[in-house]
Every structure is written in C-alpha cells, then in structure tokens.
Amino acid sequence: MQLNQNLAARRENKLSLRLAQGAGDLLRVQKLRFDVFAGEMGAQLASADLGLDCDEYDDYCEHLIVEDHATGMVVGTYRMLTPEAAARAPSLYSEHEFNIARLDHLRPRLIEVGRSCVHKDFRTGGVITLLWAGLADYVRKHGCEYLAGCASVSLADGGHQAVSLYRQLEASHLAPAEWRVFPLLPLPLDRVVDDAAPAPMPPLIKGYLRAGAFVCGEPAWDPDFNCADFFMLLSMNRLSKRYDKHFGSK
C-alpha cells in the first residue's frame, strides 16, 4: 500500500518519509533500533549478537522510515500491524505485556504500532512530526478507526520519571473504564517515591497526547528493555483539529 502521495514525497528540513521497501530497508531499521534500544537504553536483546533489533513481528508489520537526505541515514522509524496481519500473528505485540481483553471489540478496526525510535542527533521534533503524519495517513488508508501501542519511559533513574509521568497522565489523560488494559508485570508504583523534579515529557508520549490519545491504565515493567511501557490508544475521531489539519484530510 502506498502512503498519501503528498506524504510519500514530503520533506521537512531535508527529511523525507516513506514505507520501507525490501530487506535492505528493514536491516537499516533494525540497526537504528539496535543503536537506540541496546546502545542507549541498555536493552537486553535476543538478537544482540547480530547487532540488530529484530523479532518475529517484523515480518508481519510494515515499517515507516524517515531518511536524512544529507547522509542517506534512516533517522526515525515506526512499525504498524494491521488487523489482517494481526490475525496471522501469534497475538498483538502488546499482549506480551498487557491484558487487553476490554479492547477485543476494537480489533477489526485497530492498527497496533510500536518499536518507535529516533536517532539521537534528530530528536528536535521534525522526525516525530513526520512519523505521526505517516501513521495518521496509514490508519486512514486502511479504513481503520483506532491506533494503539506502547510508549516507553526509561527506568535508568530508578523509575522516578515513569512514576511521576503516570501520576500526571492518570489525572488528565486516563481512558474510560471500558478501554482500560492491565499490565501482566505492573511497574511497582507504590515502591517508588515520586520525588523527582519534573522532567521533559518524552517526545513520543507528547505526540500521542497532542493528537488526543488516552493512556489506558498503569504502565507495565519491561525488564529486558529497562523501561516502563504505557499503553496508548487514539481514536481517529479524537485526532485534534490542529493535528488533523497538519496531517492532511481524510
């Protein structure tokens, strides 16, 4: 499937967005993910000996990539699992971390997204903006109504930022009860003192919230990636007017 022609050719500060094509593009995506997840976050990856982050879901998914034309580097990525592909996969990826039974009725209209990362030299907003533009277009082109996925927060500080962030989101962006999910391995919120100075909100979570997404409950603890995962759900009907205008018409 092709992205909207305007998005497929879109450039922002010498960056462009497209869907990955073929094994070569996928390897570049997996190398970027390895550099970010293992190199920066210290994730313990099963594929570490390959110098790549790869798993069984890569072959079921399509992958958005943002390229820097000055270097030819892939500097941002997101992967998408359509309802049709999810029917062939063992489960949704997020089901490894959450009980999402309350969302079962949304599955035929839901695209799961994940493995988002941006190269450390390009985290100023332009890459995230392009990725979100691509996601919105992708969901609509598939005739779906919901986008869901996990957004991660590092636990390198002992979990203080993750707990502080959840307390903020719980007060202002918590999903209705019928859309709640439940972590299989909960982050022990009550064991971490919420005394950290407010930290900048992670760009990925900020993007979700600006678009109109909910956080669907308490975060899960992912020991392999040393992070807390927040399950985020966005109804395309809630996509903020500012984002809708920026991302293009339906």
C-alpha atoms as a PDB file:
ATOM      1  CA  MET A   1       0.000   0.000   0.000  1.00  0.00           C
ATOM      2  CA  GLN A   2       1.205   3.466  -0.866  1.00  0.00           C
ATOM      3  CA  LEU A   3       1.085   6.384   1.500  1.00  0.00           C
ATOM      4  CA  ASN A   4      -0.684   9.562   0.514  1.00  0.00           C
ATOM      5  CA  GLN A   5       1.339  10.970  -2.375  1.00  0.00           C
ATOM      6  CA  ASN A   6       1.920  14.229  -0.534  1.00  0.00           C
ATOM      7  CA  LEU A   7       3.335  12.355   2.446  1.00  0.00           C
ATOM      8  CA  ALA A   8       5.383   9.938   0.389  1.00  0.00           C
ATOM      9  CA  ALA A   9       7.229  12.857  -1.175  1.00  0.00           C
ATOM     10  CA  ARG A  10       7.139  15.084   1.884  1.00  0.00           C
ATOM     11  CA  ARG A  11      10.320  16.792   3.027  1.00  0.00           C
ATOM     12  CA  GLU A  12      10.887  18.723   6.201  1.00  0.00           C
ATOM     13  CA  ASN A  13      14.347  20.129   6.895  1.00  0.00           C
ATOM     14  CA  LYS A  14      15.824  17.732   4.342  1.00  0.00           C
ATOM     15  CA  LEU A  15      13.965  14.768   5.834  1.00  0.00           C
ATOM     16  CA  SER A  16      11.554  12.531   3.952  1.00  0.00           C
ATOM     17  CA  LEU A  17       9.045   9.868   4.910  1.00  0.00           C
ATOM     18  CA  ARG A  18       8.153   6.602   3.203  1.00  0.00           C
ATOM     19  CA  LEU A  19       7.358   2.951   3.817  1.00  0.00           C
ATOM     20  CA  ALA A  20      10.325   0.602   3.971  1.00  0.00           C
ATOM     21  CA  GLN A  21      10.754  -1.480   0.836  1.00  0.00           C
ATOM     22  CA  GLY A  22      12.571  -4.807   0.911  1.00  0.00           C
ATOM     23  CA  ALA A  23      15.167  -6.485   3.094  1.00  0.00           C
ATOM     24  CA  GLY A  24      17.734  -3.708   2.796  1.00  0.00           C
ATOM     25  CA  ASP A  25      15.438  -1.092   4.281  1.00  0.00           C
ATOM     26  CA  LEU A  26      14.398  -3.461   7.051  1.00  0.00           C
ATOM     27  CA  LEU A  27      18.032  -4.057   8.022  1.00  0.00           C
ATOM     28  CA  ARG A  28      18.577  -0.305   8.285  1.00  0.00           C
ATOM     29  CA  VAL A  29      15.516  -0.029  10.515  1.00  0.00           C
ATOM     30  CA  GLN A  30      16.723  -2.870  12.734  1.00  0.00           C
ATOM     31  CA  LYS A  31      20.189  -1.314  13.027  1.00  0.00           C
ATOM     32  CA  LEU A  32      18.757   2.025  14.137  1.00  0.00           C
ATOM     33  CA  ARG A  33      16.564   0.281  16.690  1.00  0.00           C
ATOM     34  CA  PHE A  34      19.567  -1.666  17.996  1.00  0.00           C
ATOM     35  CA  ASP A  35      21.624   1.506  18.383  1.00  0.00           C
ATOM     36  CA  VAL A  36      18.838   3.225  20.321  1.00  0.00           C
ATOM     37  CA  PHE A  37      17.434   0.356  22.390  1.00  0.00           C
ATOM     38  CA  ALA A  38      20.621  -1.567  23.163  1.00  0.00           C
ATOM     39  CA  GLY A  39      23.266   1.123  22.717  1.00  0.00           C
ATOM     40  CA  GLU A  40      21.496   3.917  24.570  1.00  0.00           C
ATOM     41  CA  MET A  41      18.870   2.253  26.752  1.00  0.00           C
ATOM     42  CA  GLY A  42      20.822  -0.887  27.624  1.00  0.00           C
ATOM     43  CA  ALA A  43      18.096  -3.261  26.432  1.00  0.00           C
ATOM     44  CA  GLN A  44      18.904  -6.959  26.572  1.00  0.00           C
ATOM     45  CA  LEU A  45      18.022  -8.098  23.059  1.00  0.00           C
ATOM     46  CA  ALA A  46      17.830 -11.712  21.921  1.00  0.00           C
ATOM     47  CA  SER A  47      19.303 -10.599  18.593  1.00  0.00           C
ATOM     48  CA  ALA A  48      22.175  -8.605  20.104  1.00  0.00           C
ATOM     49  CA  ASP A  49      24.849 -10.835  18.567  1.00  0.00           C
ATOM     50  CA  LEU A  50      23.629  -9.683  15.135  1.00  0.00           C
ATOM     51  CA  GLY A  51      23.949  -6.003  16.014  1.00  0.00           C
ATOM     52  CA  LEU A  52      20.246  -5.671  15.189  1.00  0.00           C
ATOM     53  CA  ASP A  53      16.921  -5.394  16.980  1.00  0.00           C
ATOM     54  CA  CYS A  54      14.672  -7.900  15.260  1.00  0.00           C
ATOM     55  CA  ASP A  55      11.845 -10.200  16.255  1.00  0.00           C
ATOM     56  CA  GLU A  56       9.105 -12.326  14.701  1.00  0.00           C
ATOM     57  CA  TYR A  57       6.753  -9.357  14.377  1.00  0.00           C
ATOM     58  CA  ASP A  58       8.952  -7.515  11.889  1.00  0.00           C
ATOM     59  CA  ASP A  59       7.815  -9.795   9.085  1.00  0.00           C
ATOM     60  CA  TYR A  60       4.129  -9.226   9.892  1.00  0.00           C
ATOM     61  CA  CYS A  61       4.483  -5.445  10.028  1.00  0.00           C
ATOM     62  CA  GLU A  62       5.058  -2.582   7.662  1.00  0.00           C
ATOM     63  CA  HIS A  63       7.662  -0.006   8.661  1.00  0.00           C
ATOM     64  CA  LEU A  64       7.673   3.753   8.325  1.00  0.00           C
ATOM     65  CA  ILE A  65      11.091   5.315   7.861  1.00  0.00           C
ATOM     66  CA  VAL A  66      12.347   8.872   7.934  1.00  0.00           C
ATOM     67  CA  GLU A  67      15.540   9.460   5.967  1.00  0.00           C
ATOM     68  CA  ASP A  68      18.066  12.280   6.165  1.00  0.00           C
ATOM     69  CA  HIS A  69      18.957  13.229   2.610  1.00  0.00           C
ATOM     70  CA  ALA A  70      22.321  14.704   3.542  1.00  0.00           C
ATOM     71  CA  THR A  71      23.617  11.334   4.739  1.00  0.00           C
ATOM     72  CA  GLY A  72      21.098   8.783   3.457  1.00  0.00           C
ATOM     73  CA  MET A  73      20.637   7.575   7.027  1.00  0.00           C
ATOM     74  CA  VAL A  74      17.395   6.198   8.447  1.00  0.00           C
ATOM     75  CA  VAL A  75      16.864   8.509  11.427  1.00  0.00           C
ATOM     76  CA  GLY A  76      13.382   7.514  12.563  1.00  0.00           C
ATOM     77  CA  THR A  77      11.059   4.544  12.358  1.00  0.00           C
ATOM     78  CA  TYR A  78       7.724   3.113  13.459  1.00  0.00           C
ATOM     79  CA  ARG A  79       6.174  -0.252  12.662  1.00  0.00           C
ATOM     80  CA  MET A  80       2.494  -0.968  12.046  1.00  0.00           C
ATOM     81  CA  LEU A  81       0.481  -4.180  12.412  1.00  0.00           C
ATOM     82  CA  THR A  82      -2.827  -4.146  10.543  1.00  0.00           C
ATOM     83  CA  PRO A  83      -5.875  -6.156  11.675  1.00  0.00           C
ATOM     84  CA  GLU A  84      -5.317  -8.554   8.740  1.00  0.00           C
ATOM     85  CA  ALA A  85      -1.692  -9.129   9.697  1.00  0.00           C
ATOM     86  CA  ALA A  86      -2.597  -9.416  13.379  1.00  0.00           C
ATOM     87  CA  ALA A  87      -4.935 -12.289  12.508  1.00  0.00           C
ATOM     88  CA  ARG A  88      -1.900 -14.205  11.190  1.00  0.00           C
ATOM     89  CA  ALA A  89       0.428 -13.250  14.060  1.00  0.00           C
ATOM     90  CA  PRO A  90       0.534 -15.168  17.358  1.00  0.00           C
ATOM     91  CA  SER A  91      -1.041 -12.168  19.134  1.00  0.00           C
ATOM     92  CA  LEU A  92      -0.739  -8.433  19.257  1.00  0.00           C
ATOM     93  CA  TYR A  93       2.737  -7.494  20.416  1.00  0.00           C
ATOM     94  CA  SER A  94       1.311  -5.554  23.353  1.00  0.00           C
ATOM     95  CA  GLU A  95      -0.369  -8.728  24.636  1.00  0.00           C
ATOM     96  CA  HIS A  96       3.064  -9.847  25.837  1.00  0.00           C
ATOM     97  CA  GLU A  97       2.762  -7.060  28.416  1.00  0.00           C
ATOM     98  CA  PHE A  98      -0.930  -6.307  28.892  1.00  0.00           C
ATOM     99  CA  ASN A  99      -4.312  -7.966  29.245  1.00  0.00           C
ATOM    100  CA  ILE A 100      -6.241  -6.043  26.608  1.00  0.00           C
ATOM    101  CA  ALA A 101      -9.473  -8.057  26.681  1.00  0.00           C
ATOM    102  CA  ARG A 102     -11.584  -4.924  27.066  1.00  0.00           C
ATOM    103  CA  LEU A 103     -10.404  -3.801  23.627  1.00  0.00           C
ATOM    104  CA  ASP A 104     -11.335  -7.019  21.830  1.00  0.00           C
ATOM    105  CA  HIS A 105     -14.274  -5.352  20.091  1.00  0.00           C
ATOM    106  CA  LEU A 106     -11.894  -2.764  18.574  1.00  0.00           C
ATOM    107  CA  ARG A 107      -9.502  -5.270  16.974  1.00  0.00           C
ATOM    108  CA  PRO A 108     -11.086  -5.293  13.482  1.00  0.00           C
ATOM    109  CA  ARG A 109     -10.634  -1.517  13.328  1.00  0.00           C
ATOM    110  CA  LEU A 110      -7.325  -1.149  15.206  1.00  0.00           C
ATOM    111  CA  ILE A 111      -3.750  -0.806  13.957  1.00  0.00           C
ATOM    112  CA  GLU A 112      -1.082  -1.607  16.513  1.00  0.00           C
ATOM    113  CA  VAL A 113       2.092   0.464  16.321  1.00  0.00           C
ATOM    114  CA  GLY A 114       5.407   0.079  18.058  1.00  0.00           C
ATOM    115  CA  ARG A 115       9.200  -0.027  18.025  1.00  0.00           C
ATOM    116  CA  SER A 116       9.330   3.728  17.558  1.00  0.00           C
ATOM    117  CA  CYS A 117      12.736   5.328  17.798  1.00  0.00           C
ATOM    118  CA  VAL A 118      14.621   8.371  16.557  1.00  0.00           C
ATOM    119  CA  HIS A 119      18.363   8.787  16.066  1.00  0.00           C
ATOM    120  CA  LYS A 120      19.923  10.751  18.931  1.00  0.00           C
ATOM    121  CA  ASP A 121      21.001  13.597  16.623  1.00  0.00           C
ATOM    122  CA  PHE A 122      17.468  14.168  15.276  1.00  0.00           C
ATOM    123  CA  ARG A 123      15.283  14.473  18.369  1.00  0.00           C
ATOM    124  CA  THR A 124      14.124  18.033  17.832  1.00  0.00           C
ATOM    125  CA  GLY A 125      10.576  17.290  16.714  1.00  0.00           C
ATOM    126  CA  GLY A 126      10.760  17.137  12.925  1.00  0.00           C
ATOM    127  CA  VAL A 127      11.161  13.366  12.766  1.00  0.00           C
ATOM    128  CA  ILE A 128       8.321  12.695  15.207  1.00  0.00           C
ATOM    129  CA  THR A 129       6.098  15.078  13.237  1.00  0.00           C
ATOM    130  CA  LEU A 130       6.755  13.177  10.016  1.00  0.00           C
ATOM    131  CA  LEU A 131       6.213   9.802  11.657  1.00  0.00           C
ATOM    132  CA  TRP A 132       2.884  10.918  13.105  1.00  0.00           C
ATOM    133  CA  ALA A 133       1.830  12.265   9.732  1.00  0.00           C
ATOM    134  CA  GLY A 134       2.610   8.868   8.227  1.00  0.00           C
ATOM    135  CA  LEU A 135       0.768   6.991  10.966  1.00  0.00           C
ATOM    136  CA  ALA A 136      -2.382   9.062  10.587  1.00  0.00           C
ATOM    137  CA  ASP A 137      -2.369   8.569   6.832  1.00  0.00           C
ATOM    138  CA  TYR A 138      -1.642   4.847   7.149  1.00  0.00           C
ATOM    139  CA  VAL A 139      -4.524   4.233   9.571  1.00  0.00           C
ATOM    140  CA  ARG A 140      -6.954   6.048   7.318  1.00  0.00           C
ATOM    141  CA  LYS A 141      -5.781   4.345   4.142  1.00  0.00           C
ATOM    142  CA  HIS A 142      -6.543   1.006   5.797  1.00  0.00           C
ATOM    143  CA  GLY A 143     -10.019   2.146   6.774  1.00  0.00           C
ATOM    144  CA  CYS A 144      -9.282   1.759  10.489  1.00  0.00           C
ATOM    145  CA  GLU A 145     -10.508   3.897  13.367  1.00  0.00           C
ATOM    146  CA  TYR A 146      -8.017   3.252  16.180  1.00  0.00           C
ATOM    147  CA  LEU A 147      -4.280   3.353  16.692  1.00  0.00           C
ATOM    148  CA  ALA A 148      -2.734   1.711  19.750  1.00  0.00           C
ATOM    149  CA  GLY A 149       0.711   0.920  21.041  1.00  0.00           C
ATOM    150  CA  CYS A 150       3.201   1.147  23.863  1.00  0.00           C
ATOM    151  CA  ALA A 151       5.254   4.241  24.622  1.00  0.00           C
ATOM    152  CA  SER A 152       8.334   3.613  26.738  1.00  0.00           C
ATOM    153  CA  VAL A 153       9.988   5.562  29.530  1.00  0.00           C
ATOM    154  CA  SER A 154      13.465   4.586  30.716  1.00  0.00           C
ATOM    155  CA  LEU A 155      13.895   3.260  34.254  1.00  0.00           C
ATOM    156  CA  ALA A 156      17.562   4.273  34.410  1.00  0.00           C
ATOM    157  CA  ASP A 157      16.728   6.750  37.201  1.00  0.00           C
ATOM    158  CA  GLY A 158      15.113   4.039  39.314  1.00  0.00           C
ATOM    159  CA  GLY A 159      11.653   4.690  37.936  1.00  0.00           C
ATOM    160  CA  HIS A 160      11.079   8.182  39.331  1.00  0.00           C
ATOM    161  CA  GLN A 161      10.300   9.806  35.976  1.00  0.00           C
ATOM    162  CA  ALA A 162       7.993   6.970  34.938  1.00  0.00           C
ATOM    163  CA  VAL A 163       6.002   7.140  38.177  1.00  0.00           C
ATOM    164  CA  SER A 164       5.802  10.926  38.075  1.00  0.00           C
ATOM    165  CA  LEU A 165       4.617  10.787  34.465  1.00  0.00           C
ATOM    166  CA  TYR A 166       1.951   8.204  35.226  1.00  0.00           C
ATOM    167  CA  ARG A 167       0.590  10.326  38.071  1.00  0.00           C
ATOM    168  CA  GLN A 168       0.271  13.245  35.632  1.00  0.00           C
ATOM    169  CA  LEU A 169      -1.407  11.134  32.946  1.00  0.00           C
ATOM    170  CA  GLU A 170      -3.700   9.425  35.438  1.00  0.00           C
ATOM    171  CA  ALA A 171      -5.065  12.808  36.450  1.00  0.00           C
ATOM    172  CA  SER A 172      -5.569  14.224  32.969  1.00  0.00           C
ATOM    173  CA  HIS A 173      -5.495  11.599  30.194  1.00  0.00           C
ATOM    174  CA  LEU A 174      -6.802   8.311  31.623  1.00  0.00           C
ATOM    175  CA  ALA A 175      -9.011   6.282  29.290  1.00  0.00           C
ATOM    176  CA  PRO A 176     -12.638   5.500  30.141  1.00  0.00           C
ATOM    177  CA  ALA A 177     -13.091   2.298  32.139  1.00  0.00           C
ATOM    178  CA  GLU A 178     -14.249   0.338  29.072  1.00  0.00           C
ATOM    179  CA  TRP A 179     -10.885   0.973  27.388  1.00  0.00           C
ATOM    180  CA  ARG A 180      -8.648   0.031  30.327  1.00  0.00           C
ATOM    181  CA  VAL A 181      -5.862  -2.524  29.966  1.00  0.00           C
ATOM    182  CA  PHE A 182      -3.969  -4.289  32.741  1.00  0.00           C
ATOM    183  CA  PRO A 183      -0.197  -4.902  32.914  1.00  0.00           C
ATOM    184  CA  LEU A 184       0.915  -8.510  33.302  1.00  0.00           C
ATOM    185  CA  LEU A 185       4.006  -7.293  35.157  1.00  0.00           C
ATOM    186  CA  PRO A 186       2.990  -3.972  36.713  1.00  0.00           C
ATOM    187  CA  LEU A 187       5.501  -1.255  37.463  1.00  0.00           C
ATOM    188  CA  PRO A 188       5.550  -1.159  41.296  1.00  0.00           C
ATOM    189  CA  LEU A 189       4.233   2.385  41.543  1.00  0.00           C
ATOM    190  CA  ASP A 190       3.880   2.367  45.324  1.00  0.00           C
ATOM    191  CA  ARG A 191       7.503   1.339  45.845  1.00  0.00           C
ATOM    192  CA  VAL A 192       8.969   4.333  44.045  1.00  0.00           C
ATOM    193  CA  VAL A 193       8.944   7.698  45.780  1.00  0.00           C
ATOM    194  CA  ASP A 194       7.530  10.277  43.412  1.00  0.00           C
ATOM    195  CA  ASP A 195      10.039  12.947  44.386  1.00  0.00           C
ATOM    196  CA  ALA A 196      11.783  13.554  41.084  1.00  0.00           C
ATOM    197  CA  ALA A 197      11.864  17.053  39.651  1.00  0.00           C
ATOM    198  CA  PRO A 198       9.523  17.309  36.671  1.00  0.00           C
ATOM    199  CA  ALA A 199      11.317  16.035  33.587  1.00  0.00           C
ATOM    200  CA  PRO A 200      10.570  16.892  29.980  1.00  0.00           C
ATOM    201  CA  MET A 201       7.820  14.648  28.673  1.00  0.00           C
ATOM    202  CA  PRO A 202       9.174  12.042  26.220  1.00  0.00           C
ATOM    203  CA  PRO A 203       8.526  13.273  22.655  1.00  0.00           C
ATOM    204  CA  LEU A 204       6.637  10.113  21.699  1.00  0.00           C
ATOM    205  CA  ILE A 205       4.178  10.407  24.589  1.00  0.00           C
ATOM    206  CA  LYS A 206       3.844  14.126  23.964  1.00  0.00           C
ATOM    207  CA  GLY A 207       2.924  13.327  20.366  1.00  0.00           C
ATOM    208  CA  TYR A 208       0.244  10.878  21.476  1.00  0.00           C
ATOM    209  CA  LEU A 209      -1.279  13.352  23.910  1.00  0.00           C
ATOM    210  CA  ARG A 210      -1.271  16.255  21.466  1.00  0.00           C
ATOM    211  CA  ALA A 211      -3.081  14.059  18.976  1.00  0.00           C
ATOM    212  CA  GLY A 212      -5.787  13.252  21.529  1.00  0.00           C
ATOM    213  CA  ALA A 213      -4.742   9.806  22.832  1.00  0.00           C
ATOM    214  CA  PHE A 214      -5.558   8.226  26.170  1.00  0.00           C
ATOM    215  CA  VAL A 215      -3.291   6.261  28.478  1.00  0.00           C
ATOM    216  CA  CYS A 216      -5.209   3.053  29.156  1.00  0.00           C
ATOM    217  CA  GLY A 217      -4.054   2.278  32.671  1.00  0.00           C
ATOM    218  CA  GLU A 218      -0.961   1.637  34.761  1.00  0.00           C
ATOM    219  CA  PRO A 219       2.345   1.024  32.972  1.00  0.00           C
ATOM    220  CA  ALA A 220       3.944  -2.369  32.538  1.00  0.00           C
ATOM    221  CA  TRP A 221       7.521  -3.091  33.576  1.00  0.00           C
ATOM    222  CA  ASP A 222       9.735  -4.406  30.776  1.00  0.00           C
ATOM    223  CA  PRO A 223      12.929  -5.733  32.417  1.00  0.00           C
ATOM    224  CA  ASP A 224      14.607  -6.612  29.101  1.00  0.00           C
ATOM    225  CA  PHE A 225      14.331  -3.033  27.843  1.00  0.00           C
ATOM    226  CA  ASN A 226      14.704  -1.498  31.334  1.00  0.00           C
ATOM    227  CA  CYS A 227      11.664   0.661  30.757  1.00  0.00           C
ATOM    228  CA  ALA A 228       8.069   1.291  31.746  1.00  0.00           C
ATOM    229  CA  ASP A 229       5.590   0.836  28.909  1.00  0.00           C
ATOM    230  CA  PHE A 230       2.454   2.975  28.742  1.00  0.00           C
ATOM    231  CA  PHE A 231      -0.374   1.576  26.625  1.00  0.00           C
ATOM    232  CA  MET A 232      -1.739   4.431  24.499  1.00  0.00           C
ATOM    233  CA  LEU A 233      -4.959   4.406  22.464  1.00  0.00           C
ATOM    234  CA  LEU A 234      -6.026   7.015  19.913  1.00  0.00           C
ATOM    235  CA  SER A 235      -9.426   7.173  18.266  1.00  0.00           C
ATOM    236  CA  MET A 236      -9.097   8.861  14.892  1.00  0.00           C
ATOM    237  CA  ASN A 237     -12.334  10.686  15.744  1.00  0.00           C
ATOM    238  CA  ARG A 238     -10.441  12.392  18.584  1.00  0.00           C
ATOM    239  CA  LEU A 239      -7.494  13.451  16.469  1.00  0.00           C
ATOM    240  CA  SER A 240      -7.093  17.092  17.412  1.00  0.00           C
ATOM    241  CA  LYS A 241      -8.100  19.623  14.779  1.00  0.00           C
ATOM    242  CA  ARG A 242      -4.593  21.095  14.781  1.00  0.00           C
ATOM    243  CA  TYR A 243      -3.070  17.691  14.067  1.00  0.00           C
ATOM    244  CA  ASP A 244      -5.790  16.786  11.595  1.00  0.00           C
ATOM    245  CA  LYS A 245      -5.040  19.900   9.552  1.00  0.00           C
ATOM    246  CA  HIS A 246      -1.309  19.256   9.731  1.00  0.00           C
ATOM    247  CA  PHE A 247      -1.578  15.575   8.802  1.00  0.00           C
ATOM    248  CA  GLY A 248      -3.901  16.036   5.870  1.00  0.00           C
ATOM    249  CA  SER A 249      -7.531  15.375   5.114  1.00  0.00           C
ATOM    250  CA  LYS A 250      -9.254  12.006   5.379  1.00  0.00           C
END
